[in-house]
């Protein structure tokens, strides 16, 4: 009884894993999606920092435009 139950249990989980492996393209992207959103919030703040300096550069260009 035990060996029979273990043998069927192994094939059943393995079968379920097989389909998961066959469709890993869909599964891996899902975990990646949640990971991307996390870095996304971190990235925006970084670009925001460089944007700060460019802002002062803009006023510099404005005075140049009226002069021209």
N, C-alpha and C. Protein backbone atom coordinates (compact mmCIF):
# COMPACT_ATOMS: atom_id res chain seq x y z
N UNK A 1 0.85 -1.20 0.00
CA UNK A 1 0.00 0.00 0.00
C UNK A 1 0.89 1.26 0.00
N UNK A 2 1.83 1.29 0.93
CA UNK A 2 2.68 2.49 1.01
C UNK A 2 3.44 2.72 -0.31
N UNK A 3 4.16 1.69 -0.80
CA UNK A 3 4.93 1.88 -2.05
C UNK A 3 4.00 2.27 -3.18
N UNK A 4 2.80 1.69 -3.23
CA UNK A 4 1.86 2.03 -4.31
C UNK A 4 1.46 3.51 -4.20
N UNK A 5 1.17 3.93 -2.98
CA UNK A 5 0.73 5.32 -2.80
C UNK A 5 1.89 6.28 -3.16
N UNK A 6 3.08 5.91 -2.73
CA UNK A 6 4.23 6.80 -3.01
C UNK A 6 4.48 6.83 -4.52
N UNK A 7 4.40 5.68 -5.17
CA UNK A 7 4.69 5.65 -6.61
C UNK A 7 3.67 6.53 -7.36
N UNK A 8 2.38 6.38 -7.11
CA UNK A 8 1.38 7.23 -7.80
C UNK A 8 1.56 8.69 -7.40
N UNK A 9 1.87 8.94 -6.14
CA UNK A 9 2.03 10.34 -5.71
C UNK A 9 3.18 11.00 -6.47
N UNK A 10 4.27 10.27 -6.63
CA UNK A 10 5.43 10.85 -7.33
C UNK A 10 5.05 11.21 -8.78
N UNK A 11 4.44 10.28 -9.51
CA UNK A 11 4.08 10.57 -10.91
C UNK A 11 3.08 11.73 -10.96
N UNK A 12 2.13 11.76 -10.05
CA UNK A 12 1.12 12.84 -10.11
C UNK A 12 1.79 14.19 -9.92
N UNK A 13 2.58 14.40 -8.85
CA UNK A 13 3.26 15.69 -8.69
C UNK A 13 4.19 15.97 -9.85
N UNK A 14 4.89 14.93 -10.30
CA UNK A 14 5.81 15.12 -11.43
C UNK A 14 5.00 15.57 -12.66
N UNK A 15 3.83 14.99 -12.84
CA UNK A 15 3.00 15.39 -14.00
C UNK A 15 2.61 16.87 -13.85
N UNK A 16 2.19 17.23 -12.67
CA UNK A 16 1.79 18.64 -12.47
C UNK A 16 3.01 19.52 -12.72
N UNK A 17 4.18 19.09 -12.27
CA UNK A 17 5.39 19.90 -12.49
C UNK A 17 5.70 19.97 -13.99
N UNK A 18 5.53 18.86 -14.69
CA UNK A 18 5.81 18.85 -16.12
C UNK A 18 5.06 19.99 -16.81
N UNK A 19 3.74 20.09 -16.63
CA UNK A 19 2.97 21.18 -17.26
C UNK A 19 3.53 22.54 -16.83
N UNK A 20 3.90 22.66 -15.56
CA UNK A 20 4.46 23.93 -15.09
C UNK A 20 5.75 24.23 -15.86
N UNK A 21 6.57 23.18 -16.02
CA UNK A 21 7.85 23.38 -16.74
C UNK A 21 7.55 23.71 -18.21
N UNK A 22 6.56 23.00 -18.77
CA UNK A 22 6.23 23.24 -20.18
C UNK A 22 5.78 24.69 -20.35
N UNK A 23 5.12 25.22 -19.33
CA UNK A 23 4.66 26.62 -19.41
C UNK A 23 5.45 27.49 -18.46
N UNK A 24 6.79 27.32 -18.40
CA UNK A 24 7.60 28.16 -17.50
C UNK A 24 7.64 29.58 -18.01
N UNK A 25 7.51 29.74 -19.30
CA UNK A 25 7.56 31.08 -19.89
C UNK A 25 6.50 31.96 -19.23
N UNK A 26 5.34 31.37 -18.91
CA UNK A 26 4.28 32.18 -18.29
C UNK A 26 4.56 32.36 -16.81
N UNK A 27 5.09 31.32 -16.16
CA UNK A 27 5.32 31.41 -14.71
C UNK A 27 6.48 32.37 -14.38
N UNK A 28 7.64 32.19 -14.97
CA UNK A 28 8.78 33.06 -14.66
C UNK A 28 8.44 34.53 -14.88
N UNK A 29 7.81 34.88 -15.98
CA UNK A 29 7.45 36.29 -16.22
C UNK A 29 6.63 36.84 -15.06
N UNK A 30 5.74 36.01 -14.50
CA UNK A 30 4.90 36.51 -13.39
C UNK A 30 5.80 36.95 -12.23
N UNK A 31 6.70 36.09 -11.75
CA UNK A 31 7.60 36.49 -10.65
C UNK A 31 8.42 37.72 -11.05
N UNK A 32 8.81 37.78 -12.30
CA UNK A 32 9.61 38.93 -12.75
C UNK A 32 8.75 40.21 -12.66
N UNK A 33 7.50 40.10 -13.05
CA UNK A 33 6.63 41.28 -13.02
C UNK A 33 6.68 41.94 -11.64
N UNK A 34 6.39 41.18 -10.56
CA UNK A 34 6.42 41.77 -9.21
C UNK A 34 7.81 42.34 -8.90
N UNK A 35 8.83 41.69 -9.38
CA UNK A 35 10.19 42.18 -9.12
C UNK A 35 10.41 43.51 -9.86
N UNK A 36 9.88 43.63 -11.07
CA UNK A 36 10.09 44.86 -11.85
C UNK A 36 9.46 46.05 -11.12
N UNK A 37 8.21 45.91 -10.70
CA UNK A 37 7.55 47.04 -10.01
C UNK A 37 8.41 47.53 -8.85
N UNK A 38 9.07 46.64 -8.13
CA UNK A 38 9.88 47.06 -7.00
C UNK A 38 11.03 47.97 -7.48
N UNK A 39 11.84 47.52 -8.45
CA UNK A 39 12.92 48.36 -8.97
C UNK A 39 12.37 49.61 -9.65
N UNK A 40 11.21 49.54 -10.23
CA UNK A 40 10.65 50.71 -10.92
C UNK A 40 10.60 51.93 -9.98
N UNK A 41 9.98 51.78 -8.81
CA UNK A 41 9.92 52.92 -7.88
C UNK A 41 11.32 53.41 -7.52
N UNK A 42 12.27 52.51 -7.47
CA UNK A 42 13.65 52.90 -7.12
C UNK A 42 14.27 53.67 -8.31
N UNK A 43 13.96 53.24 -9.52
CA UNK A 43 14.56 53.90 -10.70
C UNK A 43 14.04 55.34 -10.86
N UNK A 44 12.74 55.54 -10.79
CA UNK A 44 12.19 56.90 -10.98
C UNK A 44 12.89 57.92 -10.07
N UNK A 45 13.06 57.62 -8.79
CA UNK A 45 13.75 58.57 -7.90
C UNK A 45 15.15 58.88 -8.42
N UNK A 46 15.83 57.89 -8.97
CA UNK A 46 17.20 58.13 -9.46
C UNK A 46 17.16 59.15 -10.61
N UNK A 47 16.34 58.91 -11.64
CA UNK A 47 16.25 59.86 -12.75
C UNK A 47 15.80 61.23 -12.25
N UNK A 48 14.96 61.25 -11.22
CA UNK A 48 14.47 62.53 -10.67
C UNK A 48 15.67 63.34 -10.19
N UNK A 49 16.65 62.68 -9.59
CA UNK A 49 17.83 63.42 -9.10
C UNK A 49 18.54 64.13 -10.25
N UNK A 50 18.88 63.41 -11.32
CA UNK A 50 19.54 64.06 -12.47
C UNK A 50 18.65 65.16 -13.05
N UNK A 51 17.35 64.98 -12.99
CA UNK A 51 16.44 66.00 -13.53
C UNK A 51 16.59 67.30 -12.74
N UNK A 52 16.82 67.19 -11.46
CA UNK A 52 16.97 68.39 -10.62
C UNK A 52 18.04 69.32 -11.23
N UNK A 53 19.26 68.84 -11.48
CA UNK A 53 20.31 69.70 -12.07
C UNK A 53 19.88 70.27 -13.43
N UNK A 54 19.29 69.47 -14.30
CA UNK A 54 18.84 69.99 -15.60
C UNK A 54 17.88 71.15 -15.42
N UNK A 55 17.06 71.14 -14.37
CA UNK A 55 16.11 72.25 -14.16
C UNK A 55 16.87 73.58 -14.05
N UNK A 56 17.90 73.67 -13.22
CA UNK A 56 18.68 74.92 -13.14
C UNK A 56 19.27 75.26 -14.50
N UNK A 57 19.63 74.27 -15.27
CA UNK A 57 20.21 74.52 -16.59
C UNK A 57 19.14 75.18 -17.48
N UNK A 58 17.89 74.81 -17.32
CA UNK A 58 16.82 75.39 -18.14
C UNK A 58 16.76 76.92 -17.95
N UNK A 59 16.72 77.39 -16.71
CA UNK A 59 16.68 78.86 -16.47
C UNK A 59 17.86 79.53 -17.16
N UNK A 60 18.99 78.88 -17.16
CA UNK A 60 20.17 79.47 -17.82
C UNK A 60 19.87 79.67 -19.31
N UNK A 61 19.18 78.70 -19.89
CA UNK A 61 18.87 78.80 -21.32
C UNK A 61 17.83 79.90 -21.54
N UNK A 62 16.90 80.06 -20.60
CA UNK A 62 15.86 81.07 -20.76
C UNK A 62 16.47 82.48 -20.89
N UNK A 63 17.37 82.86 -19.98
CA UNK A 63 17.99 84.20 -20.09
C UNK A 63 18.73 84.34 -21.42
N UNK A 64 19.26 83.23 -21.92
CA UNK A 64 20.00 83.30 -23.19
C UNK A 64 19.00 83.56 -24.33
N UNK A 65 17.81 82.97 -24.25
CA UNK A 65 16.84 83.14 -25.33
C UNK A 65 16.41 84.62 -25.41
N UNK A 66 16.06 85.25 -24.28
CA UNK A 66 15.66 86.67 -24.35
C UNK A 66 16.81 87.53 -24.89
N UNK A 67 18.03 87.21 -24.48
CA UNK A 67 19.18 87.99 -24.97
C UNK A 67 19.26 87.87 -26.49
N UNK A 68 19.11 86.61 -26.97
CA UNK A 68 19.18 86.42 -28.42
C UNK A 68 18.04 87.17 -29.06
